[in-house]
Amino acid sequence: MKRFKLRIPVPAGKLETVIDDPESDRRGLLLVAHPHPLHGGSMDNKVVTTLAKAANEAGWVSVRPNFRGVGMSDGAFDAGIGETDDLLAVARFVEASYPGLPWALAGFSFGAFVQHRLRQQLDARRLILVAPAVTMYEFDPVPADTVVIYGDADELIPPSAIQLWAEQQHLTQKVIPQAGHFFHGKLKELKQAFMEACPC
């Protein structure tokens, strides 16, 4: 496993990004988007790192940017609009080094909102939305093979709202019993659900 720490040029300036590359038998690229930047979200969030590690174990290259204004990333919070543009720039930059590998997109909470917007511009084998903030942001329809993962004890986004949103689009749902929004004590179950959802 090789780790690269980069500052990738994007519309906001440069985004701090960590790429973990299994180096051999690469199967794809996973772009992971972290939760809300103004509420402590970063690429080091434990949900984000859990998803990245799971993908690495399955032979996927994981890409974890810090959104604008977080850590060493330039710019300021833009409610998901500029963040989408930034992630598209990150994806284009990264894929130049890994031609031909398919993308999978995963986003947690606010990151799920950004990734569902990015999916409209970037072809991906799978979109995985973890605890998507459907009551905080206006989500557009997503591809039919999108997978939604959430806890039935989510204290920030009502599980019933996530369920309804997913059911309206006939999406696959993976519900983790007794898991809250941040999956405290439930990362093992989250990892398993992600591995089942990912084309990894």
C-alpha atoms as a PDB file:
ATOM      1  CA  MET A   1       0.000   0.000   0.000  1.00  0.00           C
ATOM      2  CA  LYS A   2       1.328   3.401  -0.955  1.00  0.00           C
ATOM      3  CA  ARG A   3      -0.090   6.679   0.404  1.00  0.00           C
ATOM      4  CA  PHE A   4       0.068   9.952  -1.487  1.00  0.00           C
ATOM      5  CA  LYS A   5      -0.692  13.293   0.159  1.00  0.00           C
ATOM      6  CA  LEU A   6      -1.439  15.907  -2.478  1.00  0.00           C
ATOM      7  CA  ARG A   7      -2.916  19.349  -2.913  1.00  0.00           C
ATOM      8  CA  ILE A   8      -4.919  18.988  -6.108  1.00  0.00           C
ATOM      9  CA  PRO A   9      -5.842  22.044  -8.229  1.00  0.00           C
ATOM     10  CA  VAL A  10      -9.606  22.718  -8.211  1.00  0.00           C
ATOM     11  CA  PRO A  11     -11.855  25.770  -8.745  1.00  0.00           C
ATOM     12  CA  ALA A  12     -11.406  26.782  -5.072  1.00  0.00           C
ATOM     13  CA  GLY A  13      -7.607  26.678  -5.314  1.00  0.00           C
ATOM     14  CA  LYS A  14      -6.111  23.418  -4.102  1.00  0.00           C
ATOM     15  CA  LEU A  15      -7.709  20.589  -2.114  1.00  0.00           C
ATOM     16  CA  GLU A  16      -5.757  18.555   0.381  1.00  0.00           C
ATOM     17  CA  THR A  17      -6.240  14.941  -0.697  1.00  0.00           C
ATOM     18  CA  VAL A  18      -5.026  11.554   0.517  1.00  0.00           C
ATOM     19  CA  ILE A  19      -4.816   8.697  -1.985  1.00  0.00           C
ATOM     20  CA  ASP A  20      -4.250   5.150  -0.733  1.00  0.00           C
ATOM     21  CA  ASP A  21      -3.130   2.870  -3.562  1.00  0.00           C
ATOM     22  CA  PRO A  22      -2.947  -0.922  -3.103  1.00  0.00           C
ATOM     23  CA  GLU A  23      -0.504  -0.828  -6.058  1.00  0.00           C
ATOM     24  CA  SER A  24      -1.209  -4.340  -7.361  1.00  0.00           C
ATOM     25  CA  ASP A  25      -4.351  -5.731  -9.017  1.00  0.00           C
ATOM     26  CA  ARG A  26      -6.142  -2.395  -8.849  1.00  0.00           C
ATOM     27  CA  ARG A  27      -9.872  -2.853  -9.464  1.00  0.00           C
ATOM     28  CA  GLY A  28     -11.184   0.690  -9.361  1.00  0.00           C
ATOM     29  CA  LEU A  29     -11.207   4.137  -7.779  1.00  0.00           C
ATOM     30  CA  LEU A  30     -13.324   5.078  -4.771  1.00  0.00           C
ATOM     31  CA  LEU A  31     -13.912   8.769  -4.100  1.00  0.00           C
ATOM     32  CA  VAL A  32     -15.121   9.379  -0.525  1.00  0.00           C
ATOM     33  CA  ALA A  33     -16.768  12.633   0.574  1.00  0.00           C
ATOM     34  CA  HIS A  34     -16.752  13.616   4.250  1.00  0.00           C
ATOM     35  CA  PRO A  35     -19.505  15.158   6.424  1.00  0.00           C
ATOM     36  CA  HIS A  36     -20.269  18.843   6.934  1.00  0.00           C
ATOM     37  CA  PRO A  37     -17.128  21.038   6.938  1.00  0.00           C
ATOM     38  CA  LEU A  38     -18.615  23.546   9.390  1.00  0.00           C
ATOM     39  CA  HIS A  39     -19.395  20.822  11.940  1.00  0.00           C
ATOM     40  CA  GLY A  40     -16.001  19.160  12.159  1.00  0.00           C
ATOM     41  CA  GLY A  41     -16.206  17.000   9.038  1.00  0.00           C
ATOM     42  CA  SER A  42     -12.910  16.038   7.420  1.00  0.00           C
ATOM     43  CA  MET A  43     -11.168  13.307   5.433  1.00  0.00           C
ATOM     44  CA  ASP A  44     -10.107  11.794   8.781  1.00  0.00           C
ATOM     45  CA  ASN A  45     -13.688  11.169   9.907  1.00  0.00           C
ATOM     46  CA  LYS A  46     -13.886   7.564  11.100  1.00  0.00           C
ATOM     47  CA  VAL A  47     -16.755   6.684   8.755  1.00  0.00           C
ATOM     48  CA  VAL A  48     -14.788   8.053   5.798  1.00  0.00           C
ATOM     49  CA  THR A  49     -11.616   6.187   6.771  1.00  0.00           C
ATOM     50  CA  THR A  50     -13.588   2.973   7.360  1.00  0.00           C
ATOM     51  CA  LEU A  51     -14.991   3.098   3.823  1.00  0.00           C
ATOM     52  CA  ALA A  52     -11.584   3.922   2.340  1.00  0.00           C
ATOM     53  CA  LYS A  53      -9.868   1.046   4.154  1.00  0.00           C
ATOM     54  CA  ALA A  54     -12.575  -1.397   3.121  1.00  0.00           C
ATOM     55  CA  ALA A  55     -12.114  -0.406  -0.506  1.00  0.00           C
ATOM     56  CA  ASN A  56      -8.320  -0.711  -0.209  1.00  0.00           C
ATOM     57  CA  GLU A  57      -8.663  -4.239   1.140  1.00  0.00           C
ATOM     58  CA  ALA A  58     -10.724  -5.107  -1.927  1.00  0.00           C
ATOM     59  CA  GLY A  59      -8.094  -3.738  -4.310  1.00  0.00           C
ATOM     60  CA  TRP A  60      -9.551  -0.299  -4.919  1.00  0.00           C
ATOM     61  CA  VAL A  61      -7.618   2.968  -4.825  1.00  0.00           C
ATOM     62  CA  SER A  62      -9.271   5.300  -2.297  1.00  0.00           C
ATOM     63  CA  VAL A  63      -9.334   9.080  -2.729  1.00  0.00           C
ATOM     64  CA  ARG A  64     -10.198  11.252   0.300  1.00  0.00           C
ATOM     65  CA  PRO A  65     -10.214  15.022  -0.258  1.00  0.00           C
ATOM     66  CA  ASN A  66     -10.790  17.647   2.399  1.00  0.00           C
ATOM     67  CA  PHE A  67     -13.543  19.956   1.207  1.00  0.00           C
ATOM     68  CA  ARG A  68     -12.735  23.619   0.633  1.00  0.00           C
ATOM     69  CA  GLY A  69     -11.833  25.399   3.851  1.00  0.00           C
ATOM     70  CA  VAL A  70     -10.929  22.190   5.731  1.00  0.00           C
ATOM     71  CA  GLY A  71      -7.369  21.360   6.791  1.00  0.00           C
ATOM     72  CA  MET A  72      -4.940  22.369   4.051  1.00  0.00           C
ATOM     73  CA  SER A  73      -7.689  22.906   1.461  1.00  0.00           C
ATOM     74  CA  ASP A  74      -8.212  26.385   0.033  1.00  0.00           C
ATOM     75  CA  GLY A  75     -11.529  28.194  -0.226  1.00  0.00           C
ATOM     76  CA  ALA A  76     -14.649  28.555   1.892  1.00  0.00           C
ATOM     77  CA  PHE A  77     -17.805  26.493   2.403  1.00  0.00           C
ATOM     78  CA  ASP A  78     -20.206  26.714  -0.549  1.00  0.00           C
ATOM     79  CA  ALA A  79     -23.228  24.622   0.555  1.00  0.00           C
ATOM     80  CA  GLY A  80     -22.333  21.727  -1.716  1.00  0.00           C
ATOM     81  CA  ILE A  81     -22.304  23.630  -5.007  1.00  0.00           C
ATOM     82  CA  GLY A  82     -18.639  24.572  -5.251  1.00  0.00           C
ATOM     83  CA  GLU A  83     -17.741  21.367  -3.432  1.00  0.00           C
ATOM     84  CA  THR A  84     -19.228  19.371  -6.310  1.00  0.00           C
ATOM     85  CA  ASP A  85     -17.123  21.286  -8.830  1.00  0.00           C
ATOM     86  CA  ASP A  86     -14.050  20.667  -6.696  1.00  0.00           C
ATOM     87  CA  LEU A  87     -14.639  16.913  -6.478  1.00  0.00           C
ATOM     88  CA  LEU A  88     -15.103  16.687 -10.227  1.00  0.00           C
ATOM     89  CA  ALA A  89     -11.721  18.376 -10.651  1.00  0.00           C
ATOM     90  CA  VAL A  90     -10.169  15.941  -8.150  1.00  0.00           C
ATOM     91  CA  ALA A  91     -11.638  12.973 -10.035  1.00  0.00           C
ATOM     92  CA  ARG A  92     -10.330  14.211 -13.382  1.00  0.00           C
ATOM     93  CA  PHE A  93      -6.887  14.818 -11.891  1.00  0.00           C
ATOM     94  CA  VAL A  94      -6.701  11.376 -10.272  1.00  0.00           C
ATOM     95  CA  GLU A  95      -8.068   9.340 -13.162  1.00  0.00           C
ATOM     96  CA  ALA A  96      -5.303  10.665 -15.418  1.00  0.00           C
ATOM     97  CA  SER A  97      -2.911   8.512 -13.360  1.00  0.00           C
ATOM     98  CA  TYR A  98      -5.222   5.481 -13.399  1.00  0.00           C
ATOM     99  CA  PRO A  99      -6.638   5.298 -16.922  1.00  0.00           C
ATOM    100  CA  GLY A 100      -9.423   2.828 -17.496  1.00  0.00           C
ATOM    101  CA  LEU A 101     -10.294   2.186 -13.855  1.00  0.00           C
ATOM    102  CA  PRO A 102     -13.988   2.629 -12.946  1.00  0.00           C
ATOM    103  CA  TRP A 103     -15.194   5.027 -10.270  1.00  0.00           C
ATOM    104  CA  ALA A 104     -17.360   4.319  -7.267  1.00  0.00           C
ATOM    105  CA  LEU A 105     -18.625   7.272  -5.236  1.00  0.00           C
ATOM    106  CA  ALA A 106     -19.356   7.224  -1.509  1.00  0.00           C
ATOM    107  CA  GLY A 107     -20.519  10.110   0.630  1.00  0.00           C
ATOM    108  CA  PHE A 108     -21.390  10.458   4.301  1.00  0.00           C
ATOM    109  CA  SER A 109     -24.118  12.865   5.463  1.00  0.00           C
ATOM    110  CA  PHE A 110     -23.385  16.223   3.751  1.00  0.00           C
ATOM    111  CA  GLY A 111     -20.851  14.307   1.650  1.00  0.00           C
ATOM    112  CA  ALA A 112     -23.707  12.165   0.334  1.00  0.00           C
ATOM    113  CA  PHE A 113     -25.406  15.321  -0.946  1.00  0.00           C
ATOM    114  CA  VAL A 114     -22.243  16.375  -2.764  1.00  0.00           C
ATOM    115  CA  GLN A 115     -21.697  12.915  -4.246  1.00  0.00           C
ATOM    116  CA  HIS A 116     -25.255  12.599  -5.539  1.00  0.00           C
ATOM    117  CA  ARG A 117     -24.649  15.878  -7.411  1.00  0.00           C
ATOM    118  CA  LEU A 118     -21.263  14.710  -8.685  1.00  0.00           C
ATOM    119  CA  ARG A 119     -22.819  11.509 -10.022  1.00  0.00           C
ATOM    120  CA  GLN A 120     -24.766  13.654 -12.490  1.00  0.00           C
ATOM    121  CA  GLN A 121     -21.450  14.687 -14.059  1.00  0.00           C
ATOM    122  CA  LEU A 122     -19.186  11.689 -13.444  1.00  0.00           C
ATOM    123  CA  ASP A 123     -19.883   8.167 -14.634  1.00  0.00           C
ATOM    124  CA  ALA A 124     -19.512   5.725 -11.755  1.00  0.00           C
ATOM    125  CA  ARG A 125     -20.122   2.052 -11.254  1.00  0.00           C
ATOM    126  CA  ARG A 126     -21.905   2.684  -7.961  1.00  0.00           C
ATOM    127  CA  LEU A 127     -23.139   5.546  -5.785  1.00  0.00           C
ATOM    128  CA  ILE A 128     -23.212   4.747  -2.078  1.00  0.00           C
ATOM    129  CA  LEU A 129     -24.936   7.217   0.235  1.00  0.00           C
ATOM    130  CA  VAL A 130     -24.237   6.806   3.959  1.00  0.00           C
ATOM    131  CA  ALA A 131     -26.707   8.530   6.298  1.00  0.00           C
ATOM    132  CA  PRO A 132     -27.632  11.004   3.530  1.00  0.00           C
ATOM    133  CA  ALA A 133     -28.780  14.384   4.833  1.00  0.00           C
ATOM    134  CA  VAL A 134     -32.097  14.250   2.948  1.00  0.00           C
ATOM    135  CA  THR A 135     -33.886  16.515   5.444  1.00  0.00           C
ATOM    136  CA  MET A 136     -31.213  19.217   5.228  1.00  0.00           C
ATOM    137  CA  TYR A 137     -30.642  19.420   1.472  1.00  0.00           C
ATOM    138  CA  GLU A 138     -32.738  19.039  -1.666  1.00  0.00           C
ATOM    139  CA  PHE A 139     -31.693  15.748  -3.213  1.00  0.00           C
ATOM    140  CA  ASP A 140     -32.322  15.028  -6.890  1.00  0.00           C
ATOM    141  CA  PRO A 141     -33.217  11.551  -8.179  1.00  0.00           C
ATOM    142  CA  VAL A 142     -30.253   9.176  -8.243  1.00  0.00           C
ATOM    143  CA  PRO A 143     -29.381   6.149 -10.409  1.00  0.00           C
ATOM    144  CA  ALA A 144     -31.469   3.041  -9.731  1.00  0.00           C
ATOM    145  CA  ASP A 145     -28.479   1.022  -8.513  1.00  0.00           C
ATOM    146  CA  THR A 146     -27.632   3.539  -5.769  1.00  0.00           C
ATOM    147  CA  VAL A 147     -27.307   1.978  -2.310  1.00  0.00           C
ATOM    148  CA  VAL A 148     -28.369   3.813   0.853  1.00  0.00           C
ATOM    149  CA  ILE A 149     -26.815   2.849   4.201  1.00  0.00           C
ATOM    150  CA  TYR A 150     -28.068   4.274   7.486  1.00  0.00           C
ATOM    151  CA  GLY A 151     -28.669   3.478  11.120  1.00  0.00           C
ATOM    152  CA  ASP A 152     -32.150   3.004  12.533  1.00  0.00           C
ATOM    153  CA  ALA A 153     -31.165   5.147  15.536  1.00  0.00           C
ATOM    154  CA  ASP A 154     -29.874   8.149  13.553  1.00  0.00           C
ATOM    155  CA  GLU A 155     -30.306  11.166  15.806  1.00  0.00           C
ATOM    156  CA  LEU A 156     -29.636  13.838  13.142  1.00  0.00           C
ATOM    157  CA  ILE A 157     -31.446  12.622  10.022  1.00  0.00           C
ATOM    158  CA  PRO A 158     -34.711  10.803  10.851  1.00  0.00           C
ATOM    159  CA  PRO A 159     -34.394   7.200   9.647  1.00  0.00           C
ATOM    160  CA  SER A 160     -38.010   7.356   8.470  1.00  0.00           C
ATOM    161  CA  ALA A 161     -37.125  10.260   6.166  1.00  0.00           C
ATOM    162  CA  ILE A 162     -34.190   8.370   4.656  1.00  0.00           C
ATOM    163  CA  GLN A 163     -36.344   5.280   4.257  1.00  0.00           C
ATOM    164  CA  LEU A 164     -39.118   7.207   2.516  1.00  0.00           C
ATOM    165  CA  TRP A 165     -36.686   8.956   0.180  1.00  0.00           C
ATOM    166  CA  ALA A 166     -35.063   5.647  -0.753  1.00  0.00           C
ATOM    167  CA  GLU A 167     -38.368   3.806  -1.144  1.00  0.00           C
ATOM    168  CA  GLN A 168     -39.736   6.460  -3.478  1.00  0.00           C
ATOM    169  CA  GLN A 169     -36.895   5.614  -5.875  1.00  0.00           C
ATOM    170  CA  HIS A 170     -36.869   1.855  -5.200  1.00  0.00           C
ATOM    171  CA  LEU A 171     -33.271   1.999  -3.983  1.00  0.00           C
ATOM    172  CA  THR A 172     -31.472  -0.761  -2.118  1.00  0.00           C
ATOM    173  CA  GLN A 173     -31.353   0.057   1.596  1.00  0.00           C
ATOM    174  CA  LYS A 174     -28.983  -1.354   4.186  1.00  0.00           C
ATOM    175  CA  VAL A 175     -30.163  -0.501   7.686  1.00  0.00           C
ATOM    176  CA  ILE A 176     -27.776  -0.992  10.595  1.00  0.00           C
ATOM    177  CA  PRO A 177     -29.651  -1.759  13.827  1.00  0.00           C
ATOM    178  CA  GLN A 178     -29.046   0.566  16.783  1.00  0.00           C
ATOM    179  CA  ALA A 179     -26.588   2.702  14.809  1.00  0.00           C
ATOM    180  CA  GLY A 180     -26.634   6.469  15.242  1.00  0.00           C
ATOM    181  CA  HIS A 181     -25.621   9.054  12.676  1.00  0.00           C
ATOM    182  CA  PHE A 182     -21.893   8.633  13.328  1.00  0.00           C
ATOM    183  CA  PHE A 183     -22.031   4.827  13.698  1.00  0.00           C
ATOM    184  CA  HIS A 184     -20.362   4.829  17.128  1.00  0.00           C
ATOM    185  CA  GLY A 185     -19.586   1.209  17.962  1.00  0.00           C
ATOM    186  CA  LYS A 186     -21.015   0.100  14.622  1.00  0.00           C
ATOM    187  CA  LEU A 187     -18.098   0.580  12.228  1.00  0.00           C
ATOM    188  CA  LYS A 188     -17.720  -3.171  11.718  1.00  0.00           C
ATOM    189  CA  GLU A 189     -21.348  -3.406  10.620  1.00  0.00           C
ATOM    190  CA  LEU A 190     -20.924  -0.317   8.437  1.00  0.00           C
ATOM    191  CA  LYS A 191     -17.894  -1.855   6.754  1.00  0.00           C
ATOM    192  CA  GLN A 192     -19.820  -5.053   6.030  1.00  0.00           C
ATOM    193  CA  ALA A 193     -22.767  -3.121   4.565  1.00  0.00           C
ATOM    194  CA  PHE A 194     -20.411  -1.074   2.428  1.00  0.00           C
ATOM    195  CA  MET A 195     -18.621  -4.162   1.103  1.00  0.00           C
ATOM    196  CA  GLU A 196     -21.980  -5.645   0.131  1.00  0.00           C
ATOM    197  CA  ALA A 197     -22.938  -2.415  -1.619  1.00  0.00           C
ATOM    198  CA  CYS A 198     -19.661  -1.658  -3.370  1.00  0.00           C
ATOM    199  CA  PRO A 199     -18.788  -3.319  -6.675  1.00  0.00           C
ATOM    200  CA  CYS A 200     -15.354  -3.764  -5.063  1.00  0.00           C
END
